[in-house]
Amino acid sequence: MPIHGLLMGVLDAYGHVTLMCRDCNTPAEDAKTAETILKLCPQCGMPLGEWATETERNSELRKWAERIKRTARPE
């Protein structure tokens, strides 16, 4: 299942990636429904990503964060 277009990653000076909502710059939070693992924006309530399992989420987000670390400038 996908990472949605509103999810962005911000690289800090220590090399950590913070997952944030592209619309309001609020850090993403984890949420669960009966069928889905979500990343949500707590400010605007938008889904930022959804997966069937935590393992699937962790794998996809880890790869995504590694790409950000290779290409982004620290803020």
PDB file of N, CA and C in Angstrom:
ATOM      1  N   MET A   1       0.858  -1.182   0.000  1.00  0.00           N
ATOM      2  CA  MET A   1       0.000   0.000   0.000  1.00  0.00           C
ATOM      3  C   MET A   1       0.895   1.233   0.000  1.00  0.00           C
ATOM      4  N   PRO A   2       0.386   2.353  -0.342  1.00  0.00           N
ATOM      5  CA  PRO A   2       1.258   3.468  -0.713  1.00  0.00           C
ATOM      6  C   PRO A   2       1.567   4.471   0.394  1.00  0.00           C
ATOM      7  N   ILE A   3       2.662   5.174   0.130  1.00  0.00           N
ATOM      8  CA  ILE A   3       2.930   6.443   0.790  1.00  0.00           C
ATOM      9  C   ILE A   3       2.168   7.473  -0.037  1.00  0.00           C
ATOM     10  N   HIS A   4       1.411   8.332   0.606  1.00  0.00           N
ATOM     11  CA  HIS A   4       0.621   9.322  -0.116  1.00  0.00           C
ATOM     12  C   HIS A   4       1.466  10.561  -0.417  1.00  0.00           C
ATOM     13  N   GLY A   5       1.021  11.344  -1.381  1.00  0.00           N
ATOM     14  CA  GLY A   5       1.764  12.525  -1.826  1.00  0.00           C
ATOM     15  C   GLY A   5       1.920  13.613  -0.784  1.00  0.00           C
ATOM     16  N   LEU A   6       1.110  13.594   0.270  1.00  0.00           N
ATOM     17  CA  LEU A   6       1.211  14.628   1.299  1.00  0.00           C
ATOM     18  C   LEU A   6       2.283  14.339   2.338  1.00  0.00           C
ATOM     19  N   LEU A   7       2.868  13.149   2.319  1.00  0.00           N
ATOM     20  CA  LEU A   7       3.915  12.814   3.283  1.00  0.00           C
ATOM     21  C   LEU A   7       5.254  13.322   2.767  1.00  0.00           C
ATOM     22  N   MET A   8       5.960  14.053   3.624  1.00  0.00           N
ATOM     23  CA  MET A   8       7.309  14.497   3.262  1.00  0.00           C
ATOM     24  C   MET A   8       8.247  14.151   4.400  1.00  0.00           C
ATOM     25  N   GLY A   9       9.509  14.070   4.085  1.00  0.00           N
ATOM     26  CA  GLY A   9      10.534  13.805   5.082  1.00  0.00           C
ATOM     27  C   GLY A   9      11.465  14.989   5.200  1.00  0.00           C
ATOM     28  N   VAL A  10      11.774  15.360   6.440  1.00  0.00           N
ATOM     29  CA  VAL A  10      12.695  16.467   6.705  1.00  0.00           C
ATOM     30  C   VAL A  10      13.910  15.889   7.411  1.00  0.00           C
ATOM     31  N   LEU A  11      15.078  16.137   6.849  1.00  0.00           N
ATOM     32  CA  LEU A  11      16.337  15.644   7.400  1.00  0.00           C
ATOM     33  C   LEU A  11      16.916  16.701   8.333  1.00  0.00           C
ATOM     34  N   ASP A  12      17.192  16.309   9.594  1.00  0.00           N
ATOM     35  CA  ASP A  12      17.793  17.268  10.526  1.00  0.00           C
ATOM     36  C   ASP A  12      19.317  17.191  10.480  1.00  0.00           C
ATOM     37  N   ALA A  13      19.968  18.051  11.227  1.00  0.00           N
ATOM     38  CA  ALA A  13      21.426  18.139  11.209  1.00  0.00           C
ATOM     39  C   ALA A  13      22.097  16.872  11.738  1.00  0.00           C
ATOM     40  N   TYR A  14      21.355  16.035  12.465  1.00  0.00           N
ATOM     41  CA  TYR A  14      21.902  14.800  13.018  1.00  0.00           C
ATOM     42  C   TYR A  14      21.657  13.585  12.127  1.00  0.00           C
ATOM     43  N   GLY A  15      21.041  13.805  10.966  1.00  0.00           N
ATOM     44  CA  GLY A  15      20.794  12.721  10.028  1.00  0.00           C
ATOM     45  C   GLY A  15      19.504  11.958  10.271  1.00  0.00           C
ATOM     46  N   HIS A  16      18.619  12.489  11.120  1.00  0.00           N
ATOM     47  CA  HIS A  16      17.331  11.843  11.382  1.00  0.00           C
ATOM     48  C   HIS A  16      16.271  12.414  10.451  1.00  0.00           C
ATOM     49  N   VAL A  17      15.417  11.551   9.928  1.00  0.00           N
ATOM     50  CA  VAL A  17      14.330  11.973   9.061  1.00  0.00           C
ATOM     51  C   VAL A  17      13.044  12.043   9.887  1.00  0.00           C
ATOM     52  N   THR A  18      12.387  13.202   9.863  1.00  0.00           N
ATOM     53  CA  THR A  18      11.091  13.371  10.505  1.00  0.00           C
ATOM     54  C   THR A  18      10.026  13.342   9.423  1.00  0.00           C
ATOM     55  N   LEU A  19       9.015  12.497   9.602  1.00  0.00           N
ATOM     56  CA  LEU A  19       7.918  12.398   8.640  1.00  0.00           C
ATOM     57  C   LEU A  19       6.891  13.463   8.973  1.00  0.00           C
ATOM     58  N   MET A  20       6.525  14.251   7.949  1.00  0.00           N
ATOM     59  CA  MET A  20       5.659  15.394   8.179  1.00  0.00           C
ATOM     60  C   MET A  20       4.604  15.522   7.089  1.00  0.00           C
ATOM     61  N   CYS A  21       3.532  16.248   7.421  1.00  0.00           N
ATOM     62  CA  CYS A  21       2.481  16.585   6.459  1.00  0.00           C
ATOM     63  C   CYS A  21       2.972  17.732   5.584  1.00  0.00           C
ATOM     64  N   ARG A  22       2.896  17.551   4.290  1.00  0.00           N
ATOM     65  CA  ARG A  22       3.342  18.575   3.336  1.00  0.00           C
ATOM     66  C   ARG A  22       2.444  19.817   3.392  1.00  0.00           C
ATOM     67  N   ASP A  23       1.166  19.662   3.743  1.00  0.00           N
ATOM     68  CA  ASP A  23       0.246  20.799   3.774  1.00  0.00           C
ATOM     69  C   ASP A  23       0.475  21.731   4.960  1.00  0.00           C
ATOM     70  N   CYS A  24       0.673  21.164   6.162  1.00  0.00           N
ATOM     71  CA  CYS A  24       0.723  22.015   7.354  1.00  0.00           C
ATOM     72  C   CYS A  24       2.014  21.882   8.154  1.00  0.00           C
ATOM     73  N   ASN A  25       2.969  21.071   7.669  1.00  0.00           N
ATOM     74  CA  ASN A  25       4.272  20.891   8.331  1.00  0.00           C
ATOM     75  C   ASN A  25       4.172  20.351   9.753  1.00  0.00           C
ATOM     76  N   THR A  26       3.173  19.517  10.012  1.00  0.00           N
ATOM     77  CA  THR A  26       2.998  18.886  11.311  1.00  0.00           C
ATOM     78  C   THR A  26       3.582  17.478  11.249  1.00  0.00           C
ATOM     79  N   PRO A  27       4.328  17.048  12.287  1.00  0.00           N
ATOM     80  CA  PRO A  27       4.856  15.681  12.298  1.00  0.00           C
ATOM     81  C   PRO A  27       3.742  14.636  12.220  1.00  0.00           C
ATOM     82  N   ALA A  28       3.965  13.599  11.431  1.00  0.00           N
ATOM     83  CA  ALA A  28       2.992  12.518  11.242  1.00  0.00           C
ATOM     84  C   ALA A  28       2.904  11.655  12.496  1.00  0.00           C
ATOM     85  N   GLU A  29       1.739  11.052  12.686  1.00  0.00           N
ATOM     86  CA  GLU A  29       1.511  10.132  13.796  1.00  0.00           C
ATOM     87  C   GLU A  29       1.013   8.801  13.261  1.00  0.00           C
ATOM     88  N   ASP A  30       1.259   7.744  14.037  1.00  0.00           N
ATOM     89  CA  ASP A  30       0.769   6.407  13.691  1.00  0.00           C
ATOM     90  C   ASP A  30      -0.664   6.240  14.170  1.00  0.00           C
ATOM     91  N   ALA A  31      -1.431   5.471  13.414  1.00  0.00           N
ATOM     92  CA  ALA A  31      -2.801   5.127  13.793  1.00  0.00           C
ATOM     93  C   ALA A  31      -3.111   3.749  13.220  1.00  0.00           C
ATOM     94  N   LYS A  32      -4.079   3.075  13.821  1.00  0.00           N
ATOM     95  CA  LYS A  32      -4.495   1.750  13.345  1.00  0.00           C
ATOM     96  C   LYS A  32      -6.011   1.713  13.228  1.00  0.00           C
ATOM     97  N   THR A  33      -6.461   1.016  12.202  1.00  0.00           N
ATOM     98  CA  THR A  33      -7.863   0.631  12.114  1.00  0.00           C
ATOM     99  C   THR A  33      -7.875  -0.893  12.170  1.00  0.00           C
ATOM    100  N   ALA A  34      -9.030  -1.492  12.061  1.00  0.00           N
ATOM    101  CA  ALA A  34      -9.104  -2.954  12.099  1.00  0.00           C
ATOM    102  C   ALA A  34      -8.338  -3.591  10.948  1.00  0.00           C
ATOM    103  N   GLU A  35      -8.264  -2.907   9.785  1.00  0.00           N
ATOM    104  CA  GLU A  35      -7.635  -3.494   8.598  1.00  0.00           C
ATOM    105  C   GLU A  35      -6.346  -2.817   8.160  1.00  0.00           C
ATOM    106  N   THR A  36      -6.029  -1.623   8.696  1.00  0.00           N
ATOM    107  CA  THR A  36      -4.983  -0.810   8.100  1.00  0.00           C
ATOM    108  C   THR A  36      -4.082  -0.162   9.154  1.00  0.00           C
ATOM    109  N   ILE A  37      -2.797  -0.052   8.823  1.00  0.00           N
ATOM    110  CA  ILE A  37      -1.838   0.726   9.589  1.00  0.00           C
ATOM    111  C   ILE A  37      -1.687   2.054   8.851  1.00  0.00           C
ATOM    112  N   LEU A  38      -1.812   3.179   9.559  1.00  0.00           N
ATOM    113  CA  LEU A  38      -1.809   4.492   8.917  1.00  0.00           C
ATOM    114  C   LEU A  38      -0.725   5.400   9.468  1.00  0.00           C
ATOM    115  N   LYS A  39      -0.298   6.354   8.650  1.00  0.00           N
ATOM    116  CA  LYS A  39       0.396   7.559   9.086  1.00  0.00           C
ATOM    117  C   LYS A  39      -0.608   8.670   8.826  1.00  0.00           C
ATOM    118  N   LEU A  40      -0.905   9.446   9.860  1.00  0.00           N
ATOM    119  CA  LEU A  40      -1.889  10.517   9.749  1.00  0.00           C
ATOM    120  C   LEU A  40      -1.287  11.842  10.170  1.00  0.00           C
ATOM    121  N   CYS A  41      -1.859  12.920   9.652  1.00  0.00           N
ATOM    122  CA  CYS A  41      -1.534  14.251  10.135  1.00  0.00           C
ATOM    123  C   CYS A  41      -2.507  14.562  11.274  1.00  0.00           C
ATOM    124  N   PRO A  42      -2.002  14.795  12.491  1.00  0.00           N
ATOM    125  CA  PRO A  42      -2.895  15.088  13.598  1.00  0.00           C
ATOM    126  C   PRO A  42      -3.541  16.473  13.492  1.00  0.00           C
ATOM    127  N   GLN A  43      -2.932  17.376  12.721  1.00  0.00           N
ATOM    128  CA  GLN A  43      -3.448  18.736  12.562  1.00  0.00           C
ATOM    129  C   GLN A  43      -4.637  18.783  11.599  1.00  0.00           C
ATOM    130  N   CYS A  44      -4.440  18.255  10.379  1.00  0.00           N
ATOM    131  CA  CYS A  44      -5.505  18.356   9.371  1.00  0.00           C
ATOM    132  C   CYS A  44      -6.243  17.042   9.145  1.00  0.00           C
ATOM    133  N   GLY A  45      -5.793  15.968   9.788  1.00  0.00           N
ATOM    134  CA  GLY A  45      -6.497  14.693   9.717  1.00  0.00           C
ATOM    135  C   GLY A  45      -6.315  13.909   8.427  1.00  0.00           C
ATOM    136  N   MET A  46      -5.416  14.365   7.573  1.00  0.00           N
ATOM    137  CA  MET A  46      -5.221  13.694   6.281  1.00  0.00           C
ATOM    138  C   MET A  46      -4.402  12.423   6.448  1.00  0.00           C
ATOM    139  N   PRO A  47      -4.781  11.348   5.735  1.00  0.00           N
ATOM    140  CA  PRO A  47      -3.932  10.153   5.719  1.00  0.00           C
ATOM    141  C   PRO A  47      -2.686  10.434   4.878  1.00  0.00           C
ATOM    142  N   LEU A  48      -1.527  10.072   5.412  1.00  0.00           N
ATOM    143  CA  LEU A  48      -0.255  10.323   4.732  1.00  0.00           C
ATOM    144  C   LEU A  48       0.360   9.046   4.177  1.00  0.00           C
ATOM    145  N   GLY A  49      -0.172   7.909   4.602  1.00  0.00           N
ATOM    146  CA  GLY A  49       0.285   6.610   4.130  1.00  0.00           C
ATOM    147  C   GLY A  49      -0.557   5.528   4.773  1.00  0.00           C
ATOM    148  N   GLU A  50      -0.671   4.392   4.095  1.00  0.00           N
ATOM    149  CA  GLU A  50      -1.439   3.274   4.654  1.00  0.00           C
ATOM    150  C   GLU A  50      -0.872   1.953   4.178  1.00  0.00           C
ATOM    151  N   TRP A  51      -0.871   0.972   5.107  1.00  0.00           N
ATOM    152  CA  TRP A  51      -0.278  -0.329   4.846  1.00  0.00           C
ATOM    153  C   TRP A  51      -1.120  -1.410   5.499  1.00  0.00           C
ATOM    154  N   ALA A  52      -0.951  -2.629   5.020  1.00  0.00           N
ATOM    155  CA  ALA A  52      -1.694  -3.769   5.573  1.00  0.00           C
ATOM    156  C   ALA A  52      -1.085  -4.246   6.894  1.00  0.00           C
ATOM    157  N   THR A  53       0.257  -4.117   7.042  1.00  0.00           N
ATOM    158  CA  THR A  53       0.930  -4.595   8.251  1.00  0.00           C
ATOM    159  C   THR A  53       1.988  -3.591   8.699  1.00  0.00           C
ATOM    160  N   GLU A  54       2.375  -3.696   9.959  1.00  0.00           N
ATOM    161  CA  GLU A  54       3.449  -2.843  10.461  1.00  0.00           C
ATOM    162  C   GLU A  54       4.775  -3.177   9.781  1.00  0.00           C
ATOM    163  N   THR A  55       4.995  -4.446   9.480  1.00  0.00           N
ATOM    164  CA  THR A  55       6.220  -4.863   8.798  1.00  0.00           C
ATOM    165  C   THR A  55       6.317  -4.208   7.427  1.00  0.00           C
ATOM    166  N   GLU A  56       5.213  -4.209   6.692  1.00  0.00           N
ATOM    167  CA  GLU A  56       5.170  -3.571   5.368  1.00  0.00           C
ATOM    168  C   GLU A  56       5.439  -2.070   5.497  1.00  0.00           C
ATOM    169  N   ARG A  57       4.793  -1.420   6.477  1.00  0.00           N
ATOM    170  CA  ARG A  57       4.998   0.018   6.706  1.00  0.00           C
ATOM    171  C   ARG A  57       6.460   0.308   7.023  1.00  0.00           C
ATOM    172  N   ASN A  58       7.018  -0.437   7.972  1.00  0.00           N
ATOM    173  CA  ASN A  58       8.400  -0.187   8.388  1.00  0.00           C
ATOM    174  C   ASN A  58       9.378  -0.362   7.242  1.00  0.00           C
ATOM    175  N   SER A  59       9.184  -1.386   6.438  1.00  0.00           N
ATOM    176  CA  SER A  59      10.066  -1.645   5.306  1.00  0.00           C
ATOM    177  C   SER A  59       9.998  -0.507   4.286  1.00  0.00           C
ATOM    178  N   GLU A  60       8.790  -0.113   3.908  1.00  0.00           N
ATOM    179  CA  GLU A  60       8.641   0.938   2.899  1.00  0.00           C
ATOM    180  C   GLU A  60       9.161   2.278   3.410  1.00  0.00           C
ATOM    181  N   LEU A  61       8.843   2.629   4.659  1.00  0.00           N
ATOM    182  CA  LEU A  61       9.299   3.907   5.194  1.00  0.00           C
ATOM    183  C   LEU A  61      10.810   3.932   5.411  1.00  0.00           C
ATOM    184  N   ARG A  62      11.392   2.802   5.765  1.00  0.00           N
ATOM    185  CA  ARG A  62      12.851   2.737   5.938  1.00  0.00           C
ATOM    186  C   ARG A  62      13.548   3.017   4.606  1.00  0.00           C
ATOM    187  N   LYS A  63      13.080   2.383   3.530  1.00  0.00           N
ATOM    188  CA  LYS A  63      13.664   2.614   2.199  1.00  0.00           C
ATOM    189  C   LYS A  63      13.465   4.065   1.767  1.00  0.00           C
ATOM    190  N   TRP A  64      12.291   4.605   2.024  1.00  0.00           N
ATOM    191  CA  TRP A  64      11.957   5.975   1.651  1.00  0.00           C
ATOM    192  C   TRP A  64      12.860   6.959   2.406  1.00  0.00           C
ATOM    193  N   ALA A  65      13.042   6.722   3.719  1.00  0.00           N
ATOM    194  CA  ALA A  65      13.898   7.598   4.533  1.00  0.00           C
ATOM    195  C   ALA A  65      15.354   7.531   4.069  1.00  0.00           C
ATOM    196  N   GLU A  66      15.815   6.360   3.669  1.00  0.00           N
ATOM    197  CA  GLU A  66      17.193   6.239   3.170  1.00  0.00           C
ATOM    198  C   GLU A  66      17.388   7.063   1.901  1.00  0.00           C
ATOM    199  N   ARG A  67      16.383   7.093   1.024  1.00  0.00           N
ATOM    200  CA  ARG A  67      16.472   7.929  -0.184  1.00  0.00           C
ATOM    201  C   ARG A  67      16.549   9.405   0.200  1.00  0.00           C
ATOM    202  N   ILE A  68      15.781   9.808   1.199  1.00  0.00           N
ATOM    203  CA  ILE A  68      15.811  11.201   1.654  1.00  0.00           C
ATOM    204  C   ILE A  68      17.194  11.526   2.212  1.00  0.00           C
ATOM    205  N   LYS A  69      17.765  10.626   2.996  1.00  0.00           N
ATOM    206  CA  LYS A  69      19.087  10.866   3.575  1.00  0.00           C
ATOM    207  C   LYS A  69      20.152  11.043   2.490  1.00  0.00           C
ATOM    208  N   ARG A  70      20.010  10.329   1.389  1.00  0.00           N
ATOM    209  CA  ARG A  70      21.003  10.427   0.301  1.00  0.00           C
ATOM    210  C   ARG A  70      20.849  11.708  -0.511  1.00  0.00           C
ATOM    211  N   THR A  71      19.648  12.270  -0.560  1.00  0.00           N
ATOM    212  CA  THR A  71      19.412  13.387  -1.485  1.00  0.00           C
ATOM    213  C   THR A  71      19.109  14.726  -0.829  1.00  0.00           C
ATOM    214  N   ALA A  72      18.690  14.747   0.428  1.00  0.00           N
ATOM    215  CA  ALA A  72      18.256  15.992   1.067  1.00  0.00           C
ATOM    216  C   ALA A  72      19.410  16.711   1.748  1.00  0.00           C
ATOM    217  N   ARG A  73      19.220  18.011   1.915  1.00  0.00           N
ATOM    218  CA  ARG A  73      20.140  18.817   2.721  1.00  0.00           C
ATOM    219  C   ARG A  73      19.528  18.947   4.120  1.00  0.00           C
ATOM    220  N   PRO A  74      20.336  18.808   5.171  1.00  0.00           N
ATOM    221  CA  PRO A  74      19.803  18.968   6.536  1.00  0.00           C
ATOM    222  C   PRO A  74      19.240  20.362   6.758  1.00  0.00           C
ATOM    223  N   GLU A  75      18.163  20.425   7.557  1.00  0.00           N
ATOM    224  CA  GLU A  75      17.567  21.716   7.905  1.00  0.00           C
ATOM    225  C   GLU A  75      17.930  22.100   9.312  1.00  0.00           C
TER     226      GLU A  75
END
